[in-house]
Amino acid sequence: MAYETEEQQVEAIKNFWKENGSAIILGAIIGFGGLFGWRYYQDQQRVQAEQASEAYAAAMQSIQAGQTENPQFVEQANQLIKDYADSSYASMAALKLAQQYVEQNKLDEAAEQLRWVADKGNSTYKATATIRLARVLLQQEKFAEAVTVAKSVTADAHQATSKYIQAEALLGQDKKDEAIAMFKQAKEASEGFTSPLLALRLTEFGIE
């Protein structure tokens, strides 16, 4: 818009600010607030990651080589999981806890840790935790649940193991024909890298 005089231009600017000034200022405040808020969030995430890393390192250092029971590690690992549940370190601590419980034949406790990682842990470790949970269920002779849990793993890297666990669980339910069919699928999924346990079953059932 063209203005005939400088006074008209000044008056137009005054009117514009009168009508829109509050919105512009508010927008600027929100914009700067969002920027600083995002930077604060990033800083907090970085600090939490560092703290979780230190807590994990301290917990791992508390493990005594050659000892089955490591109560200090259990305490520190559980605190890490509580304080930094969203971190990858919490999931790694839970997996280590589960491993120790399996070594102590505390399968219920191991399953609890593995379920937590599979359901609420860092996504990087969910498939690993689910496969290990299926193995624990197999040891507990919870065959139907072991099949269900193993079947829920869709990652290609775990397919051979998933199908092997399902086959073993089917055998445990006296479903021999279904088990043999699943062992065959496990062999196909292994793509030539057959595990020793699977190889024994293939030999046992004459699967080539």
Protein backbone atom coordinates (compact mmCIF):
# COMPACT_ATOMS: atom_id res chain seq x y z
CA MET A 1 0.00 0.00 0.00
CA ALA A 2 1.32 3.44 -0.95
CA TYR A 3 1.15 6.32 1.52
CA GLU A 4 0.88 9.96 0.42
CA THR A 5 2.68 11.35 3.46
CA GLU A 6 5.14 10.16 6.09
CA GLU A 7 2.51 10.85 8.75
CA GLN A 8 0.13 8.38 7.09
CA GLN A 9 2.87 5.73 7.06
CA VAL A 10 3.65 6.28 10.75
CA GLU A 11 -0.06 6.13 11.60
CA ALA A 12 -0.45 2.89 9.65
CA ILE A 13 2.46 1.32 11.55
CA LYS A 14 0.93 2.42 14.87
CA ASN A 15 -2.38 0.85 13.93
CA PHE A 16 -0.69 -2.36 12.82
CA TRP A 17 1.12 -2.71 16.14
CA LYS A 18 -2.04 -1.84 18.03
CA GLU A 19 -3.89 -4.66 16.28
CA ASN A 20 -1.10 -7.25 16.02
CA GLY A 21 1.63 -6.31 18.48
CA SER A 22 0.47 -8.59 21.29
CA ALA A 23 0.29 -11.59 18.99
CA ILE A 24 3.76 -10.90 17.56
CA ILE A 25 5.32 -10.50 21.01
CA LEU A 26 3.56 -13.61 22.29
CA GLY A 27 4.75 -15.56 19.26
CA ALA A 28 8.31 -14.40 19.84
CA ILE A 29 8.13 -15.41 23.52
CA ILE A 30 6.75 -18.83 22.63
CA GLY A 31 9.37 -19.27 19.91
CA PHE A 32 12.29 -18.38 22.18
CA GLY A 33 10.73 -20.35 25.02
CA GLY A 34 10.43 -23.41 22.79
CA LEU A 35 14.03 -23.04 21.64
CA PHE A 36 15.39 -22.77 25.17
CA GLY A 37 13.04 -25.52 26.33
CA TRP A 38 14.32 -27.85 23.64
CA ARG A 39 17.95 -27.07 24.52
CA TYR A 40 17.19 -27.68 28.19
CA TYR A 41 15.56 -31.01 27.32
CA GLN A 42 18.57 -32.05 25.24
CA ASP A 43 20.92 -31.10 28.07
CA GLN A 44 18.85 -33.07 30.55
CA GLN A 45 18.84 -36.11 28.26
CA ARG A 46 22.60 -35.92 27.91
CA VAL A 47 23.10 -35.62 31.67
CA GLN A 48 20.76 -38.55 32.34
CA ALA A 49 22.54 -40.69 29.75
CA GLU A 50 25.88 -39.95 31.40
CA GLN A 51 24.50 -40.74 34.84
CA ALA A 52 22.95 -43.99 33.61
CA SER A 53 26.25 -44.96 31.99
CA GLU A 54 28.14 -44.33 35.24
CA ALA A 55 25.56 -46.29 37.24
CA TYR A 56 25.81 -49.22 34.83
CA ALA A 57 29.61 -49.21 34.96
CA ALA A 58 29.52 -49.16 38.76
CA ALA A 59 27.03 -52.03 38.86
CA MET A 60 29.11 -54.16 36.50
CA GLN A 61 32.25 -53.51 38.54
CA SER A 62 30.47 -54.85 41.62
CA ILE A 63 30.14 -58.32 40.06
CA GLN A 64 32.58 -60.70 41.71
CA ALA A 65 34.13 -63.14 39.24
CA GLY A 66 33.43 -66.75 40.07
CA GLN A 67 30.62 -65.93 42.49
CA THR A 68 27.07 -67.05 41.74
CA GLU A 69 25.52 -64.55 44.15
CA ASN A 70 26.29 -60.86 43.66
CA PRO A 71 23.88 -58.98 45.97
CA GLN A 72 25.55 -55.61 45.46
CA PHE A 73 25.09 -55.90 41.71
CA VAL A 74 21.43 -56.89 42.15
CA GLU A 75 20.81 -53.83 44.34
CA GLN A 76 22.62 -51.43 42.00
CA ALA A 77 21.05 -52.89 38.87
CA ASN A 78 17.54 -52.62 40.30
CA GLN A 79 18.19 -48.99 41.28
CA LEU A 80 19.47 -48.26 37.78
CA ILE A 81 16.34 -49.78 36.24
CA LYS A 82 14.18 -47.69 38.57
CA ASP A 83 16.00 -44.39 38.01
CA TYR A 84 16.77 -44.65 34.28
CA ALA A 85 14.10 -46.98 32.92
CA ASP A 86 14.13 -45.41 29.45
CA SER A 87 17.86 -45.81 28.94
CA SER A 88 19.61 -48.63 27.13
CA TYR A 89 21.67 -49.18 30.28
CA ALA A 90 18.56 -50.17 32.23
CA SER A 91 17.76 -52.83 29.65
CA MET A 92 21.35 -54.11 29.68
CA ALA A 93 21.28 -54.28 33.47
CA ALA A 94 18.01 -56.22 33.40
CA LEU A 95 19.43 -58.68 30.86
CA LYS A 96 22.50 -59.20 33.06
CA LEU A 97 20.27 -59.69 36.10
CA ALA A 98 18.26 -62.29 34.18
CA GLN A 99 21.46 -64.09 33.21
CA GLN A 100 22.56 -64.28 36.83
CA TYR A 101 19.15 -65.53 37.94
CA VAL A 102 19.27 -68.28 35.31
CA GLU A 103 22.71 -69.32 36.58
CA GLN A 104 21.20 -69.50 40.08
CA ASN A 105 18.20 -71.47 38.72
CA LYS A 106 15.88 -68.64 39.81
CA LEU A 107 13.83 -68.88 36.65
CA ASP A 108 10.82 -66.88 37.87
CA GLU A 109 13.08 -63.94 38.70
CA ALA A 110 14.86 -64.27 35.36
CA ALA A 111 11.55 -64.31 33.51
CA GLU A 112 10.44 -61.17 35.36
CA GLN A 113 13.50 -59.22 34.22
CA LEU A 114 13.20 -60.46 30.65
CA ARG A 115 9.49 -59.58 30.50
CA TRP A 116 10.33 -56.06 31.63
CA VAL A 117 12.85 -55.57 28.83
CA ALA A 118 10.53 -57.17 26.27
CA ASP A 119 7.58 -54.99 27.32
CA LYS A 120 9.09 -51.72 28.56
CA GLY A 121 12.79 -51.74 27.84
CA ASN A 122 14.87 -50.10 25.14
CA SER A 123 13.71 -51.20 21.68
CA THR A 124 17.22 -52.34 20.75
CA TYR A 125 17.02 -55.18 23.25
CA LYS A 126 13.38 -56.25 22.99
CA ALA A 127 13.89 -59.11 20.53
CA THR A 128 16.86 -60.49 22.46
CA ALA A 129 14.90 -60.36 25.72
CA THR A 130 11.89 -62.05 24.13
CA ILE A 131 13.99 -64.93 22.77
CA ARG A 132 15.67 -65.40 26.15
CA LEU A 133 12.27 -65.31 27.85
CA ALA A 134 11.05 -68.06 25.53
CA ARG A 135 14.09 -70.16 26.48
CA VAL A 136 13.36 -69.67 30.19
CA LEU A 137 9.73 -70.67 29.68
CA LEU A 138 10.95 -73.77 27.88
CA GLN A 139 13.12 -74.64 30.89
CA GLN A 140 10.10 -74.14 33.12
CA GLU A 141 8.13 -76.51 30.88
CA LYS A 142 5.61 -73.79 30.15
CA PHE A 143 5.46 -75.09 26.62
CA ALA A 144 2.36 -73.35 25.26
CA GLU A 145 3.57 -69.95 26.49
CA ALA A 146 7.07 -70.62 25.15
CA VAL A 147 5.58 -71.18 21.68
CA THR A 148 3.55 -67.98 21.89
CA VAL A 149 6.46 -65.86 23.07
CA ALA A 150 8.94 -67.29 20.56
CA LYS A 151 6.44 -66.84 17.73
CA SER A 152 6.07 -63.13 18.61
CA VAL A 153 9.68 -62.47 17.54
CA THR A 154 9.64 -61.28 13.95
CA ALA A 155 13.26 -60.11 13.50
CA ASP A 156 14.98 -62.10 10.74
CA ALA A 157 18.14 -62.52 12.82
CA HIS A 158 16.21 -64.50 15.44
CA GLN A 159 14.02 -66.66 13.22
CA ALA A 160 16.11 -69.84 13.40
CA THR A 161 16.25 -69.64 17.19
CA SER A 162 12.56 -68.77 17.44
CA LYS A 163 11.55 -71.78 15.38
CA TYR A 164 13.93 -74.08 17.25
CA ILE A 165 12.38 -73.05 20.58
CA GLN A 166 8.89 -73.53 19.17
CA ALA A 167 9.85 -77.01 17.95
CA GLU A 168 11.24 -77.99 21.35
CA ALA A 169 8.10 -76.69 23.06
CA LEU A 170 5.93 -78.67 20.63
CA LEU A 171 7.91 -81.79 21.49
CA GLY A 172 7.24 -81.04 25.13
CA GLN A 173 3.53 -81.10 24.31
CA ASP A 174 3.90 -84.47 22.52
CA LYS A 175 3.21 -82.86 19.15
CA LYS A 176 5.97 -84.71 17.34
CA ASP A 177 4.83 -84.16 13.74
CA GLU A 178 4.38 -80.42 14.30
CA ALA A 179 7.75 -80.29 16.04
CA ILE A 180 9.53 -82.00 13.15
CA ALA A 181 7.93 -79.57 10.70
CA MET A 182 9.13 -76.69 12.87
CA PHE A 183 12.66 -78.11 13.09
CA LYS A 184 12.69 -78.12 9.28
CA GLN A 185 11.66 -74.46 9.27
CA ALA A 186 14.41 -73.72 11.79
CA LYS A 187 16.93 -75.37 9.48
CA GLU A 188 15.74 -73.28 6.53
CA ALA A 189 15.85 -70.09 8.60
CA SER A 190 19.39 -70.84 9.78
CA GLU A 191 20.68 -70.47 6.20
CA GLY A 192 23.51 -72.94 6.70
CA PHE A 193 24.60 -71.70 10.12
CA THR A 194 22.96 -74.49 12.11
CA SER A 195 23.43 -74.43 15.88
CA PRO A 196 24.77 -77.61 17.55
CA LEU A 197 21.46 -78.20 19.36
CA LEU A 198 19.46 -77.88 16.17
CA ALA A 199 21.94 -80.13 14.35
CA LEU A 200 21.36 -82.85 16.95
CA ARG A 201 17.61 -82.68 16.44
CA LEU A 202 17.97 -82.75 12.67
CA THR A 203 20.08 -85.90 12.96
CA GLU A 204 17.71 -87.44 15.48
CA PHE A 205 14.70 -87.03 13.20
CA GLY A 206 16.54 -87.72 9.95
CA ILE A 207 16.00 -84.23 8.59
CA GLU A 208 18.32 -83.41 5.69
